[in-house]
Amino acid sequence: MKKTYLKIEAPKSAVATSKDGLIKNFLKKIIVIVLKMIVPKANPDFDEKIDEVNFWLIEFEEISGIPKREIGLDEFENPILKMPYKSNYGYWTDNNLLLKDFKSTFKFTEISEKTFSDNWESFDII
């Protein structure tokens, strides 16, 4: 099965600049805490590291366009997470975006299978 590999710059989460007031912000934080206790984490080992990712390497099935594997790279382009891996579903592999959506939404570079594989394997060494 033919695959396509992309490198994209990680979108950064928006910093909350809400002027809702102390009570509303407090209630929002409580709701988030309760939801985190009820809803299982999709990426229990890596949720805290996702914001540290500067680049994503993503493997796609070419025909379906579905993302299959992903690697998060830090600012020095070292792998800091890979998914799916153990009990982690994935950041991009656990959504509805397809290859065409990535190409139309993000600035990307096509990379080789070797580049992807080398980074995938080097994560286990770290």
Protein backbone atom coordinates (compact mmCIF):
# COMPACT_ATOMS: atom_id res chain seq x y z
CA MET A 1 0.00 0.00 0.00
CA LYS A 2 1.47 3.32 -1.10
CA LYS A 3 2.01 5.98 1.53
CA THR A 4 2.61 9.72 1.56
CA TYR A 5 4.64 11.52 4.21
CA LEU A 6 4.31 15.18 5.18
CA LYS A 7 6.09 17.51 7.55
CA ILE A 8 3.92 20.35 8.86
CA GLU A 9 4.55 23.17 11.29
CA ALA A 10 2.58 22.58 14.46
CA PRO A 11 -0.39 24.87 14.93
CA LYS A 12 -0.12 26.62 18.28
CA SER A 13 -3.05 26.69 20.67
CA ALA A 14 -4.51 30.10 21.30
CA VAL A 15 -3.74 31.68 24.64
CA ALA A 16 -6.89 32.43 26.56
CA THR A 17 -7.44 36.16 26.81
CA SER A 18 -10.91 35.93 28.23
CA LYS A 19 -12.40 38.80 30.19
CA ASP A 20 -15.16 36.65 31.62
CA GLY A 21 -14.40 37.41 35.23
CA LEU A 22 -13.09 35.37 38.11
CA ILE A 23 -16.23 33.34 38.81
CA LYS A 24 -16.79 32.30 35.20
CA ASN A 25 -13.11 31.38 34.72
CA PHE A 26 -13.17 29.40 37.98
CA LEU A 27 -16.27 27.49 36.86
CA LYS A 28 -14.64 26.73 33.49
CA LYS A 29 -11.58 25.32 35.25
CA ILE A 30 -13.75 23.15 37.51
CA ILE A 31 -15.66 21.78 34.50
CA VAL A 32 -12.40 20.93 32.72
CA ILE A 33 -11.06 19.15 35.81
CA VAL A 34 -14.26 17.12 36.19
CA LEU A 35 -14.29 16.19 32.49
CA LYS A 36 -10.66 15.06 32.69
CA MET A 37 -11.59 12.73 35.54
CA ILE A 38 -14.60 11.26 33.67
CA VAL A 39 -13.41 11.11 30.06
CA PRO A 40 -10.36 8.91 29.46
CA LYS A 41 -7.36 10.60 27.89
CA ALA A 42 -6.69 9.74 24.25
CA ASN A 43 -2.95 10.20 24.74
CA PRO A 44 -2.15 9.64 28.42
CA ASP A 45 1.64 9.53 27.94
CA PHE A 46 1.87 12.51 25.61
CA ASP A 47 -0.96 14.98 26.34
CA GLU A 48 1.44 17.23 28.25
CA LYS A 49 4.02 17.14 25.42
CA ILE A 50 1.71 18.04 22.52
CA ASP A 51 2.14 21.80 23.14
CA GLU A 52 5.93 21.31 22.93
CA VAL A 53 5.71 19.99 19.36
CA ASN A 54 7.05 22.41 16.72
CA PHE A 55 6.74 20.09 13.71
CA TRP A 56 4.69 17.01 12.88
CA LEU A 57 5.75 14.20 10.57
CA ILE A 58 2.64 12.37 9.39
CA GLU A 59 2.21 9.15 7.43
CA PHE A 60 -0.90 8.86 5.23
CA GLU A 61 -2.43 6.04 3.23
CA GLU A 62 -2.28 7.59 -0.21
CA ILE A 63 -5.56 6.23 -1.62
CA SER A 64 -7.79 6.87 1.41
CA GLY A 65 -5.84 9.91 2.64
CA ILE A 66 -6.18 8.73 6.24
CA PRO A 67 -3.33 9.62 8.63
CA LYS A 68 -1.89 6.43 10.09
CA ARG A 69 1.13 7.43 12.18
CA GLU A 70 2.59 10.68 13.46
CA ILE A 71 5.75 11.93 15.10
CA GLY A 72 6.06 15.16 17.09
CA LEU A 73 9.38 16.99 16.82
CA ASP A 74 10.69 19.61 19.23
CA GLU A 75 12.31 22.92 18.30
CA PHE A 76 15.56 21.10 17.41
CA GLU A 77 13.60 18.59 15.29
CA ASN A 78 14.19 15.73 17.72
CA PRO A 79 11.30 13.28 18.15
CA ILE A 80 9.50 13.82 21.48
CA LEU A 81 6.43 11.68 20.82
CA LYS A 82 5.04 9.18 18.35
CA MET A 83 1.53 7.87 17.96
CA PRO A 84 -0.26 5.58 17.88
CA TYR A 85 2.05 4.08 20.47
CA LYS A 86 1.17 1.93 23.45
CA SER A 87 -2.03 3.41 24.96
CA ASN A 88 -1.84 6.65 22.92
CA TYR A 89 -4.26 6.98 20.00
CA GLY A 90 -2.74 10.01 18.35
CA TYR A 91 -3.33 13.69 17.81
CA TRP A 92 -3.83 13.71 14.04
CA THR A 93 -4.70 10.03 13.62
CA ASP A 94 -7.65 10.50 15.99
CA ASN A 95 -9.53 13.10 13.91
CA ASN A 96 -11.39 13.39 10.62
CA LEU A 97 -8.78 15.29 8.58
CA LEU A 98 -7.50 13.62 5.41
CA LEU A 99 -4.35 14.15 3.34
CA LYS A 100 -6.15 16.66 1.08
CA ASP A 101 -7.23 18.65 4.16
CA PHE A 102 -3.66 18.83 5.46
CA LYS A 103 -2.39 19.98 2.07
CA SER A 104 -5.05 22.68 1.80
CA THR A 105 -4.81 23.87 5.41
CA PHE A 106 -1.17 23.69 6.47
CA LYS A 107 2.16 24.73 5.03
CA PHE A 108 3.79 21.37 4.34
CA THR A 109 6.83 19.66 2.92
CA GLU A 110 6.76 16.14 1.53
CA ILE A 111 9.35 13.92 3.20
CA SER A 112 10.69 10.47 2.39
CA GLU A 113 9.60 7.22 3.97
CA LYS A 114 13.19 6.84 5.22
CA THR A 115 13.07 10.20 7.03
CA PHE A 116 9.82 9.19 8.70
CA SER A 117 11.06 5.70 9.58
CA ASP A 118 14.37 6.97 10.96
CA ASN A 119 12.53 9.37 13.28
CA TRP A 120 10.00 6.71 14.27
CA GLU A 121 12.76 4.28 15.22
CA SER A 122 14.93 6.88 16.93
CA PHE A 123 12.11 7.63 19.38
CA ASP A 124 12.55 4.16 20.89
CA ILE A 125 16.24 4.83 21.43
CA ILE A 126 15.65 8.07 23.35
